[in-house]
Amino acid sequence: MTHNVSPEALAIIRRMQQSELTESVIYEKIAAFAKGEENKQTLLRLAREEKAHYEIWKKYTGLEMKPQKAKVLKYTL
């Protein structure tokens, strides 16, 4: 899919894409330790939503990214 996006906007989209992916991994990891099935399911739903947002931004950037390990570690400790 081709999008006419300025370089400045593309840079912002890349940062957003990276954040969405990282946050999806954080929610998944936190869900593994969540108490109560409802809490766990809520966190897993949030993880799926964040991953879906990542996929939307990926259509604009064409980039496959990896989560930011330092942020994942920071928020899951």
Protein backbone atom coordinates (compact mmCIF):
# COMPACT_ATOMS: atom_id res chain seq x y z
CA MET A 1 0.00 0.00 0.00
CA THR A 2 1.49 3.35 -1.03
CA HIS A 3 0.85 6.43 1.06
CA ASN A 4 1.94 9.98 0.33
CA VAL A 5 3.33 10.92 3.71
CA SER A 6 5.90 13.62 4.44
CA PRO A 7 9.25 12.52 5.87
CA GLU A 8 8.37 14.25 9.14
CA ALA A 9 5.06 12.43 9.43
CA LEU A 10 6.74 9.14 8.52
CA ALA A 11 9.23 9.62 11.37
CA ILE A 12 6.35 10.14 13.80
CA ILE A 13 4.54 7.08 12.44
CA ARG A 14 7.68 4.96 12.90
CA ARG A 15 7.91 6.03 16.55
CA MET A 16 4.24 5.26 17.07
CA GLN A 17 4.63 1.87 15.37
CA GLN A 18 7.57 1.04 17.65
CA SER A 19 5.63 2.10 20.75
CA GLU A 20 2.57 0.03 19.82
CA LEU A 21 4.69 -3.10 19.37
CA THR A 22 6.62 -2.57 22.59
CA GLU A 23 3.44 -1.92 24.56
CA SER A 24 1.82 -5.07 23.17
CA VAL A 25 4.72 -7.16 24.48
CA ILE A 26 4.61 -5.40 27.85
CA TYR A 27 0.88 -6.16 28.24
CA GLU A 28 1.45 -9.80 27.30
CA LYS A 29 4.23 -10.20 29.86
CA ILE A 30 2.26 -8.48 32.62
CA ALA A 31 -0.74 -10.69 31.84
CA ALA A 32 1.34 -13.75 32.64
CA PHE A 33 1.62 -12.54 36.25
CA ALA A 34 -1.83 -10.97 36.61
CA LYS A 35 -4.04 -12.14 39.43
CA GLY A 36 -7.55 -13.04 38.39
CA GLU A 37 -8.73 -14.30 35.05
CA GLU A 38 -10.58 -11.06 34.24
CA ASN A 39 -7.43 -8.99 34.75
CA LYS A 40 -5.41 -11.41 32.65
CA GLN A 41 -7.95 -11.34 29.81
CA THR A 42 -8.11 -7.54 29.89
CA LEU A 43 -4.34 -7.30 29.57
CA LEU A 44 -4.30 -9.82 26.73
CA ARG A 45 -7.03 -7.87 24.93
CA LEU A 46 -4.97 -4.70 25.29
CA ALA A 47 -1.94 -6.55 23.93
CA ARG A 48 -3.92 -7.65 20.86
CA GLU A 49 -5.22 -4.12 20.29
CA GLU A 50 -1.73 -2.63 20.50
CA LYS A 51 -0.42 -5.27 18.07
CA ALA A 52 -3.26 -4.42 15.67
CA HIS A 53 -2.27 -0.75 15.83
CA TYR A 54 1.33 -1.75 15.07
CA GLU A 55 0.11 -3.63 11.99
CA ILE A 56 -1.81 -0.56 10.79
CA TRP A 57 1.29 1.66 11.09
CA LYS A 58 3.37 -1.02 9.39
CA LYS A 59 1.28 -0.51 6.25
CA TYR A 60 2.56 3.08 6.13
CA THR A 61 6.21 2.38 6.92
CA GLY A 62 6.70 -1.02 5.35
CA LEU A 63 8.97 -1.83 8.29
CA GLU A 64 9.04 -4.93 10.46
CA MET A 65 10.19 -3.92 13.93
CA LYS A 66 11.26 -5.58 17.15
CA PRO A 67 10.07 -4.47 20.60
CA GLN A 68 12.35 -2.23 22.63
CA LYS A 69 13.88 -4.70 25.08
CA ALA A 70 14.91 -2.08 27.65
CA LYS A 71 11.37 -0.70 27.93
CA VAL A 72 9.87 -4.17 28.13
CA LEU A 73 12.26 -5.05 30.94
CA LYS A 74 11.67 -1.75 32.76
CA TYR A 75 7.89 -2.11 32.80
CA THR A 76 7.73 -5.82 33.51
CA LEU A 77 10.06 -5.85 36.49
